Amino acid sequence: MENLTQQSAGIISSAALLDHWQGHRRLTRKTIESFPEDQLFNYSIGSMRSFAALAIEIMWMSAQGVNGILTNEWIYTEELAPLFEESGMKTKADILWAWDVITVELNRLFPEIKEERFQEKVKAFGQWEGAAIDMVLYFIDNEIHHRAQGTVYLRSLDVEPPAFWNRF
């Protein structure tokens, strides 16, 4: 099967892609804000992780992923796993602060990625191979997936989640 992103190169600029992604990040931030403090770190359904753990994964993947695409220096997930579990983020304010720092970093680093780099093959985190653009799309998809889990958590807690379409 042919790579669909290579077929459609040029449809969206990197600046527009970053703006689209930041829209998703604004909505995910609102989802974090919607959680009651105690439930953010402790609540889950079944064997899924807490939304705090999911938000930390999203942040890590976004920051390390963009850095990896820009510099080709990838940090393996096995090496970072302990950092996820002991991230030092213990409050909603900690997570929101880190989220905002990473947002600034994405806005700073993403424009430095050369357009041709998006079509180059990369091996992200020592395990996923594909075009750099496919990795960025995966980072966005991963965030949407985990935000949907958070939305289900909020609904099960009788908390109205932010509207999925409101990325402003």
N, C-alpha and C. Protein backbone atom coordinates (compact mmCIF):
# COMPACT_ATOMS: atom_id res chain seq x y z
N MET A 1 0.85 -1.18 0.00
CA MET A 1 0.00 0.00 0.00
C MET A 1 0.89 1.24 0.00
N GLU A 2 0.54 2.18 -0.81
CA GLU A 2 1.33 3.39 -0.93
C GLU A 2 1.05 4.34 0.24
N ASN A 3 2.06 5.07 0.63
CA ASN A 3 1.95 6.02 1.74
C ASN A 3 1.06 7.19 1.30
N LEU A 4 -0.07 7.37 1.94
CA LEU A 4 -1.03 8.40 1.55
C LEU A 4 -0.50 9.81 1.76
N THR A 5 0.30 10.01 2.80
CA THR A 5 0.80 11.36 3.05
C THR A 5 1.77 11.79 1.98
N GLN A 6 2.51 10.85 1.38
CA GLN A 6 3.42 11.22 0.30
C GLN A 6 2.64 11.57 -0.95
N GLN A 7 1.52 10.93 -1.18
CA GLN A 7 0.69 11.24 -2.35
C GLN A 7 0.13 12.65 -2.26
N SER A 8 -0.14 13.12 -1.07
CA SER A 8 -0.81 14.39 -0.92
C SER A 8 0.10 15.49 -0.38
N ALA A 9 1.39 15.37 -0.62
CA ALA A 9 2.33 16.40 -0.16
C ALA A 9 1.91 17.75 -0.75
N GLY A 10 1.98 18.77 0.07
CA GLY A 10 1.65 20.10 -0.40
C GLY A 10 0.23 20.54 -0.13
N ILE A 11 -0.59 19.69 0.42
CA ILE A 11 -1.97 20.07 0.69
C ILE A 11 -2.07 21.00 1.88
N ILE A 12 -1.21 20.80 2.87
CA ILE A 12 -1.24 21.63 4.07
C ILE A 12 0.19 22.05 4.39
N SER A 13 0.36 23.27 4.76
CA SER A 13 1.69 23.76 5.12
C SER A 13 2.04 23.30 6.53
N SER A 14 3.32 23.32 6.86
CA SER A 14 3.72 22.93 8.21
C SER A 14 3.14 23.91 9.23
N ALA A 15 3.03 25.19 8.86
CA ALA A 15 2.43 26.17 9.78
C ALA A 15 0.96 25.85 10.03
N ALA A 16 0.24 25.45 8.98
CA ALA A 16 -1.17 25.10 9.15
C ALA A 16 -1.32 23.82 9.96
N LEU A 17 -0.40 22.86 9.76
CA LEU A 17 -0.43 21.63 10.53
C LEU A 17 -0.19 21.92 12.01
N LEU A 18 0.78 22.77 12.31
CA LEU A 18 1.04 23.13 13.70
C LEU A 18 -0.18 23.82 14.30
N ASP A 19 -0.81 24.71 13.56
CA ASP A 19 -2.00 25.40 14.06
C ASP A 19 -3.12 24.40 14.34
N HIS A 20 -3.28 23.43 13.45
CA HIS A 20 -4.29 22.38 13.64
C HIS A 20 -3.99 21.59 14.91
N TRP A 21 -2.74 21.20 15.07
CA TRP A 21 -2.32 20.44 16.25
C TRP A 21 -2.53 21.26 17.51
N GLN A 22 -2.16 22.52 17.47
CA GLN A 22 -2.33 23.35 18.67
C GLN A 22 -3.81 23.52 19.01
N GLY A 23 -4.69 23.46 18.02
CA GLY A 23 -6.12 23.45 18.32
C GLY A 23 -6.50 22.23 19.14
N HIS A 24 -5.97 21.08 18.76
CA HIS A 24 -6.21 19.86 19.54
C HIS A 24 -5.61 20.00 20.94
N ARG A 25 -4.43 20.60 21.02
CA ARG A 25 -3.79 20.77 22.33
C ARG A 25 -4.60 21.71 23.22
N ARG A 26 -5.21 22.75 22.63
CA ARG A 26 -6.06 23.65 23.44
C ARG A 26 -7.25 22.86 24.01
N LEU A 27 -7.84 21.99 23.19
CA LEU A 27 -8.97 21.19 23.65
C LEU A 27 -8.53 20.18 24.71
N THR A 28 -7.39 19.56 24.53
CA THR A 28 -6.90 18.63 25.54
C THR A 28 -6.62 19.36 26.84
N ARG A 29 -6.09 20.57 26.76
CA ARG A 29 -5.85 21.37 27.97
C ARG A 29 -7.17 21.63 28.71
N LYS A 30 -8.22 21.96 27.95
CA LYS A 30 -9.54 22.17 28.56
C LYS A 30 -10.03 20.88 29.23
N THR A 31 -9.72 19.74 28.63
CA THR A 31 -10.11 18.46 29.22
C THR A 31 -9.40 18.25 30.54
N ILE A 32 -8.10 18.56 30.58
CA ILE A 32 -7.34 18.46 31.84
C ILE A 32 -7.98 19.37 32.89
N GLU A 33 -8.28 20.61 32.50
CA GLU A 33 -8.88 21.58 33.43
C GLU A 33 -10.21 21.09 33.98
N SER A 34 -10.95 20.32 33.20
CA SER A 34 -12.28 19.86 33.61
C SER A 34 -12.26 18.81 34.71
N PHE A 35 -11.15 18.13 34.88
CA PHE A 35 -11.08 17.07 35.88
C PHE A 35 -11.04 17.61 37.29
N PRO A 36 -11.81 16.99 38.18
CA PRO A 36 -11.62 17.28 39.61
C PRO A 36 -10.19 16.87 39.97
N GLU A 37 -9.54 17.67 40.79
CA GLU A 37 -8.12 17.44 41.13
C GLU A 37 -7.84 16.00 41.56
N ASP A 38 -8.63 15.47 42.47
CA ASP A 38 -8.35 14.12 42.97
C ASP A 38 -8.59 13.05 41.92
N GLN A 39 -9.50 13.27 41.01
CA GLN A 39 -9.81 12.27 39.99
C GLN A 39 -8.82 12.27 38.83
N LEU A 40 -8.16 13.38 38.60
CA LEU A 40 -7.19 13.48 37.50
C LEU A 40 -6.09 12.44 37.64
N PHE A 41 -5.64 12.20 38.84
CA PHE A 41 -4.53 11.28 39.09
C PHE A 41 -4.95 9.88 39.51
N ASN A 42 -6.19 9.75 39.97
CA ASN A 42 -6.58 8.48 40.58
C ASN A 42 -7.69 7.72 39.86
N TYR A 43 -8.43 8.38 39.01
CA TYR A 43 -9.60 7.74 38.43
C TYR A 43 -9.25 7.06 37.11
N SER A 44 -9.80 5.87 36.93
CA SER A 44 -9.70 5.18 35.65
C SER A 44 -10.86 4.20 35.55
N ILE A 45 -11.04 3.71 34.37
CA ILE A 45 -12.06 2.69 34.12
C ILE A 45 -11.33 1.43 33.67
N GLY A 46 -11.70 0.31 34.25
CA GLY A 46 -11.03 -0.93 33.89
C GLY A 46 -9.56 -0.85 34.23
N SER A 47 -8.75 -1.26 33.33
CA SER A 47 -7.31 -1.26 33.59
C SER A 47 -6.60 -0.10 32.88
N MET A 48 -7.38 0.89 32.43
CA MET A 48 -6.76 2.03 31.75
C MET A 48 -6.04 2.91 32.76
N ARG A 49 -5.11 3.73 32.26
CA ARG A 49 -4.35 4.64 33.12
C ARG A 49 -5.19 5.86 33.47
N SER A 50 -4.76 6.58 34.48
CA SER A 50 -5.43 7.83 34.85
C SER A 50 -5.24 8.85 33.73
N PHE A 51 -6.09 9.87 33.71
CA PHE A 51 -5.93 10.89 32.67
C PHE A 51 -4.65 11.68 32.88
N ALA A 52 -4.20 11.82 34.11
CA ALA A 52 -2.90 12.47 34.35
C ALA A 52 -1.79 11.70 33.65
N ALA A 53 -1.80 10.38 33.78
CA ALA A 53 -0.78 9.56 33.11
C ALA A 53 -0.88 9.69 31.60
N LEU A 54 -2.10 9.75 31.08
CA LEU A 54 -2.28 9.91 29.64
C LEU A 54 -1.79 11.28 29.17
N ALA A 55 -2.08 12.31 29.95
CA ALA A 55 -1.63 13.67 29.60
C ALA A 55 -0.11 13.75 29.61
N ILE A 56 0.51 13.09 30.57
CA ILE A 56 1.97 13.08 30.64
C ILE A 56 2.55 12.38 29.42
N GLU A 57 1.93 11.28 29.00
CA GLU A 57 2.39 10.60 27.78
C GLU A 57 2.26 11.51 26.57
N ILE A 58 1.12 12.19 26.45
CA ILE A 58 0.92 13.10 25.32
C ILE A 58 2.01 14.17 25.31
N MET A 59 2.28 14.74 26.47
CA MET A 59 3.31 15.79 26.54
C MET A 59 4.67 15.25 26.15
N TRP A 60 5.02 14.10 26.70
CA TRP A 60 6.32 13.52 26.40
C TRP A 60 6.46 13.22 24.91
N MET A 61 5.45 12.56 24.35
CA MET A 61 5.52 12.19 22.94
C MET A 61 5.59 13.41 22.05
N SER A 62 4.83 14.44 22.37
CA SER A 62 4.84 15.67 21.56
C SER A 62 6.20 16.34 21.60
N ALA A 63 6.71 16.56 22.79
CA ALA A 63 7.98 17.27 22.94
C ALA A 63 9.15 16.46 22.38
N GLN A 64 9.25 15.20 22.78
CA GLN A 64 10.35 14.37 22.30
C GLN A 64 10.21 14.06 20.82
N GLY A 65 8.98 13.92 20.36
CA GLY A 65 8.75 13.62 18.95
C GLY A 65 9.17 14.75 18.03
N VAL A 66 8.77 15.96 18.35
CA VAL A 66 9.16 17.10 17.52
C VAL A 66 10.67 17.30 17.59
N ASN A 67 11.24 17.16 18.77
CA ASN A 67 12.69 17.25 18.89
C ASN A 67 13.37 16.17 18.06
N GLY A 68 12.85 14.96 18.08
CA GLY A 68 13.42 13.87 17.30
C GLY A 68 13.36 14.13 15.81
N ILE A 69 12.24 14.64 15.34
CA ILE A 69 12.13 14.96 13.92
C ILE A 69 13.10 16.07 13.54
N LEU A 70 13.23 17.05 14.40
CA LEU A 70 14.12 18.18 14.11
C LEU A 70 15.59 17.77 14.16
N THR A 71 15.99 17.02 15.18
CA THR A 71 17.42 16.75 15.41
C THR A 71 17.84 15.33 15.07
N ASN A 72 16.87 14.44 14.85
CA ASN A 72 17.11 13.00 14.65
C ASN A 72 17.72 12.36 15.89
N GLU A 73 17.53 12.97 17.04
CA GLU A 73 17.95 12.39 18.32
C GLU A 73 16.70 11.91 19.05
N TRP A 74 16.50 10.61 19.02
CA TRP A 74 15.31 9.99 19.60
C TRP A 74 15.69 9.32 20.90
N ILE A 75 14.86 9.51 21.90
CA ILE A 75 15.06 8.86 23.18
C ILE A 75 14.09 7.69 23.24
N TYR A 76 14.60 6.51 23.49
CA TYR A 76 13.78 5.31 23.48
C TYR A 76 12.78 5.32 24.63
N THR A 77 11.61 4.77 24.37
CA THR A 77 10.55 4.74 25.37
C THR A 77 10.95 3.93 26.60
N GLU A 78 11.69 2.85 26.41
CA GLU A 78 12.09 2.03 27.55
C GLU A 78 12.93 2.85 28.53
N GLU A 79 13.78 3.72 27.99
CA GLU A 79 14.63 4.54 28.84
C GLU A 79 13.83 5.62 29.58
N LEU A 80 12.73 6.06 28.97
CA LEU A 80 11.95 7.13 29.58
C LEU A 80 10.79 6.63 30.43
N ALA A 81 10.49 5.35 30.37
CA ALA A 81 9.35 4.83 31.12
C ALA A 81 9.38 5.23 32.59
N PRO A 82 10.53 5.12 33.28
CA PRO A 82 10.54 5.52 34.69
C PRO A 82 10.22 7.01 34.88
N LEU A 83 10.56 7.84 33.91
CA LEU A 83 10.26 9.26 34.04
C LEU A 83 8.76 9.52 33.98
N PHE A 84 8.03 8.70 33.18
CA PHE A 84 6.58 8.83 33.14
C PHE A 84 5.99 8.54 34.50
N GLU A 85 6.41 7.45 35.08
CA GLU A 85 5.82 6.99 36.33
C GLU A 85 6.18 7.90 37.50
N GLU A 86 7.34 8.52 37.44
CA GLU A 86 7.78 9.39 38.52
C GLU A 86 8.07 10.77 37.96
N SER A 87 7.10 11.32 37.31
CA SER A 87 7.30 12.57 36.59
C SER A 87 7.46 13.78 37.50
N GLY A 88 7.10 13.63 38.75
CA GLY A 88 7.16 14.77 39.65
C GLY A 88 5.92 15.65 39.57
N MET A 89 5.05 15.37 38.61
CA MET A 89 3.82 16.14 38.50
C MET A 89 2.78 15.51 39.42
N LYS A 90 2.42 16.26 40.44
CA LYS A 90 1.52 15.71 41.47
C LYS A 90 0.20 16.46 41.56
N THR A 91 0.09 17.59 40.86
CA THR A 91 -1.14 18.38 40.91
C THR A 91 -1.59 18.75 39.50
N LYS A 92 -2.84 19.15 39.40
CA LYS A 92 -3.35 19.62 38.11
C LYS A 92 -2.55 20.83 37.66
N ALA A 93 -2.20 21.71 38.59
CA ALA A 93 -1.40 22.89 38.24
C ALA A 93 -0.05 22.50 37.66
N ASP A 94 0.58 21.44 38.18
CA ASP A 94 1.85 20.96 37.64
C ASP A 94 1.69 20.52 36.19
N ILE A 95 0.63 19.77 35.92
CA ILE A 95 0.41 19.28 34.56
C ILE A 95 0.10 20.44 33.62
N LEU A 96 -0.74 21.37 34.05
CA LEU A 96 -1.07 22.51 33.18
C LEU A 96 0.16 23.37 32.92
N TRP A 97 1.02 23.54 33.92
CA TRP A 97 2.25 24.31 33.73
C TRP A 97 3.13 23.62 32.69
N ALA A 98 3.33 22.31 32.84
CA ALA A 98 4.16 21.57 31.88
C ALA A 98 3.54 21.61 30.49
N TRP A 99 2.22 21.50 30.42
CA TRP A 99 1.51 21.55 29.14
C TRP A 99 1.82 22.88 28.44
N ASP A 100 1.75 23.96 29.19
CA ASP A 100 2.00 25.29 28.61
C ASP A 100 3.45 25.46 28.17
N VAL A 101 4.38 24.92 28.94
CA VAL A 101 5.80 24.99 28.57
C VAL A 101 6.02 24.24 27.25
N ILE A 102 5.44 23.06 27.14
CA ILE A 102 5.60 22.27 25.92
C ILE A 102 4.92 22.95 24.74
N THR A 103 3.80 23.61 24.97
CA THR A 103 3.14 24.35 23.89
C THR A 103 4.07 25.42 23.33
N VAL A 104 4.73 26.15 24.20
CA VAL A 104 5.69 27.17 23.75
C VAL A 104 6.83 26.52 22.97
N GLU A 105 7.33 25.39 23.48
CA GLU A 105 8.42 24.69 22.80
C GLU A 105 8.01 24.20 21.43
N LEU A 106 6.80 23.65 21.31
CA LEU A 106 6.32 23.20 20.00
C LEU A 106 6.25 24.38 19.03
N ASN A 107 5.75 25.50 19.51
CA ASN A 107 5.66 26.68 18.66
C ASN A 107 7.04 27.18 18.24
N ARG A 108 8.03 26.95 19.08
CA ARG A 108 9.39 27.38 18.77
C ARG A 108 10.09 26.40 17.83
N LEU A 109 9.98 25.09 18.11
CA LEU A 109 10.73 24.09 17.37
C LEU A 109 10.11 23.68 16.04
N PHE A 110 8.79 23.55 15.99
CA PHE A 110 8.14 23.03 14.80
C PHE A 110 8.48 23.83 13.54
N PRO A 111 8.48 25.16 13.59
CA PRO A 111 8.82 25.92 12.38
C PRO A 111 10.26 25.72 11.91
N GLU A 112 11.12 25.20 12.78
CA GLU A 112 12.51 24.95 12.39
C GLU A 112 12.66 23.68 11.55
N ILE A 113 11.63 22.84 11.51
CA ILE A 113 11.69 21.61 10.71
C ILE A 113 11.56 22.00 9.25
N LYS A 114 12.53 21.63 8.45
CA LYS A 114 12.52 21.93 7.01
C LYS A 114 11.42 21.13 6.33
N GLU A 115 10.76 21.73 5.36
CA GLU A 115 9.64 21.08 4.66
C GLU A 115 10.01 19.69 4.14
N GLU A 116 11.22 19.56 3.56
CA GLU A 116 11.62 18.27 3.00
C GLU A 116 11.82 17.20 4.07
N ARG A 117 12.07 17.62 5.29
CA ARG A 117 12.27 16.67 6.38
C ARG A 117 11.02 15.84 6.63
N PHE A 118 9.85 16.42 6.40
CA PHE A 118 8.60 15.71 6.66
C PHE A 118 8.46 14.47 5.78
N GLN A 119 9.11 14.44 4.62
CA GLN A 119 9.02 13.28 3.73
C GLN A 119 10.15 12.27 3.95
N GLU A 120 11.11 12.62 4.80
CA GLU A 120 12.22 11.70 5.07
C GLU A 120 11.78 10.59 6.00
N LYS A 121 12.38 9.42 5.80
CA LYS A 121 12.11 8.28 6.68
C LYS A 121 12.83 8.49 8.01
N VAL A 122 12.14 8.19 9.08
CA VAL A 122 12.73 8.26 10.42
C VAL A 122 12.40 6.97 11.16
N LYS A 123 13.14 6.74 12.22
CA LYS A 123 12.82 5.62 13.12
C LYS A 123 12.58 6.25 14.49
N ALA A 124 11.34 6.53 14.77
CA ALA A 124 10.97 7.25 15.99
C ALA A 124 11.12 6.35 17.20
N PHE A 125 11.83 6.87 18.20
CA PHE A 125 12.00 6.20 19.49
C PHE A 125 12.53 4.78 19.34
N GLY A 126 13.30 4.55 18.28
CA GLY A 126 13.91 3.25 18.07
C GLY A 126 12.96 2.15 17.66
N GLN A 127 11.68 2.48 17.39
CA GLN A 127 10.73 1.42 17.08
C GLN A 127 9.82 1.67 15.90
N TRP A 128 9.39 2.87 15.63
CA TRP A 128 8.42 3.11 14.56
C TRP A 128 9.13 3.72 13.37
N GLU A 129 9.00 3.08 12.20
CA GLU A 129 9.63 3.60 10.99
C GLU A 129 8.57 4.16 10.06
N GLY A 130 8.90 5.28 9.46
CA GLY A 130 8.00 5.89 8.49
C GLY A 130 8.45 7.30 8.20
N ALA A 131 7.69 7.96 7.35
CA ALA A 131 7.98 9.36 7.04
C ALA A 131 7.75 10.21 8.29
N ALA A 132 8.55 11.25 8.43
CA ALA A 132 8.41 12.14 9.59
C ALA A 132 6.99 12.69 9.70
N ILE A 133 6.36 13.00 8.57
CA ILE A 133 4.99 13.52 8.61
C ILE A 133 4.04 12.49 9.22
N ASP A 134 4.28 11.21 8.93
CA ASP A 134 3.43 10.17 9.51
C ASP A 134 3.58 10.12 11.03
N MET A 135 4.78 10.42 11.51
CA MET A 135 5.00 10.45 12.96
C MET A 135 4.23 11.61 13.59
N VAL A 136 4.29 12.77 12.96
CA VAL A 136 3.54 13.92 13.48
C VAL A 136 2.05 13.60 13.51
N LEU A 137 1.54 13.00 12.44
CA LEU A 137 0.13 12.64 12.41
C LEU A 137 -0.19 11.62 13.50
N TYR A 138 0.74 10.70 13.77
CA TYR A 138 0.54 9.75 14.86
C TYR A 138 0.50 10.46 16.21
N PHE A 139 1.38 11.43 16.43
CA PHE A 139 1.38 12.18 17.70
C PHE A 139 0.01 12.83 17.91
N ILE A 140 -0.54 13.40 16.84
CA ILE A 140 -1.85 14.05 16.93
C ILE A 140 -2.94 13.00 17.19
N ASP A 141 -2.91 11.90 16.44
CA ASP A 141 -3.90 10.83 16.63
C ASP A 141 -3.85 10.27 18.05
N ASN A 142 -2.64 10.08 18.57
CA ASN A 142 -2.47 9.56 19.92
C ASN A 142 -3.12 10.51 20.93
N GLU A 143 -2.92 11.80 20.73
CA GLU A 143 -3.53 12.79 21.64
C GLU A 143 -5.05 12.72 21.57
N ILE A 144 -5.59 12.66 20.36
CA ILE A 144 -7.05 12.59 20.20
C ILE A 144 -7.60 11.33 20.88
N HIS A 145 -6.92 10.22 20.68
CA HIS A 145 -7.33 8.95 21.29
C HIS A 145 -7.39 9.07 22.82
N HIS A 146 -6.31 9.59 23.39
CA HIS A 146 -6.26 9.68 24.86
C HIS A 146 -7.23 10.74 25.39
N ARG A 147 -7.43 11.82 24.64
CA ARG A 147 -8.41 12.82 25.06
C ARG A 147 -9.81 12.20 25.07
N ALA A 148 -10.10 11.32 24.12
CA ALA A 148 -11.39 10.64 24.10
C ALA A 148 -11.55 9.77 25.34
N GLN A 149 -10.47 9.12 25.77
CA GLN A 149 -10.53 8.35 27.02
C GLN A 149 -10.88 9.29 28.18
N GLY A 150 -10.24 10.45 28.21
CA GLY A 150 -10.53 11.44 29.25
C GLY A 150 -11.97 11.90 29.21
N THR A 151 -12.50 12.04 28.01
CA THR A 151 -13.90 12.44 27.86
C THR A 151 -14.83 11.38 28.46
N VAL A 152 -14.53 10.13 28.21
CA VAL A 152 -15.32 9.04 28.79
C VAL A 152 -15.21 9.07 30.32
N TYR A 153 -14.00 9.27 30.83
CA TYR A 153 -13.82 9.38 32.28
C TYR A 153 -14.69 10.49 32.85
N LEU A 154 -14.62 11.68 32.21
CA LEU A 154 -15.40 12.81 32.71
C LEU A 154 -16.89 12.49 32.72
N ARG A 155 -17.39 11.92 31.63
CA ARG A 155 -18.82 11.58 31.58
C ARG A 155 -19.18 10.59 32.68
N SER A 156 -18.30 9.62 32.94
CA SER A 156 -18.60 8.63 33.99
C SER A 156 -18.55 9.27 35.38
N LEU A 157 -17.88 10.41 35.49
CA LEU A 157 -17.84 11.16 36.75
C LEU A 157 -18.95 12.21 36.83
N ASP A 158 -19.85 12.22 35.85
CA ASP A 158 -20.92 13.21 35.75
C ASP A 158 -20.38 14.63 35.61
N VAL A 159 -19.26 14.75 34.89
CA VAL A 159 -18.68 16.06 34.57
C VAL A 159 -18.82 16.26 33.07
N GLU A 160 -19.39 17.39 32.68
CA GLU A 160 -19.55 17.69 31.25
C GLU A 160 -18.18 17.99 30.64
N PRO A 161 -17.75 17.20 29.66
CA PRO A 161 -16.45 17.47 29.03
C PRO A 161 -16.56 18.65 28.07
N PRO A 162 -15.43 19.25 27.72
CA PRO A 162 -15.48 20.32 26.74
C PRO A 162 -15.98 19.77 25.39
N ALA A 163 -16.64 20.61 24.64
CA ALA A 163 -17.17 20.19 23.33
C ALA A 163 -16.01 19.79 22.41
N PHE A 164 -16.12 18.62 21.81
CA PHE A 164 -15.01 18.08 21.01
C PHE A 164 -14.66 18.96 19.82
N TRP A 165 -15.58 19.76 19.38
CA TRP A 165 -15.34 20.59 18.20
C TRP A 165 -14.73 21.95 18.55
N ASN A 166 -14.71 22.30 19.81
CA ASN A 166 -14.24 23.63 20.22
C ASN A 166 -12.74 23.62 20.50
N ARG A 167 -11.98 23.83 19.43
CA ARG A 167 -10.52 23.82 19.56
C ARG A 167 -9.93 25.22 19.56
N PHE A 168 -10.76 26.19 19.95
CA PHE A 168 -10.29 27.59 19.95
C PHE A 168 -9.94 28.05 21.34
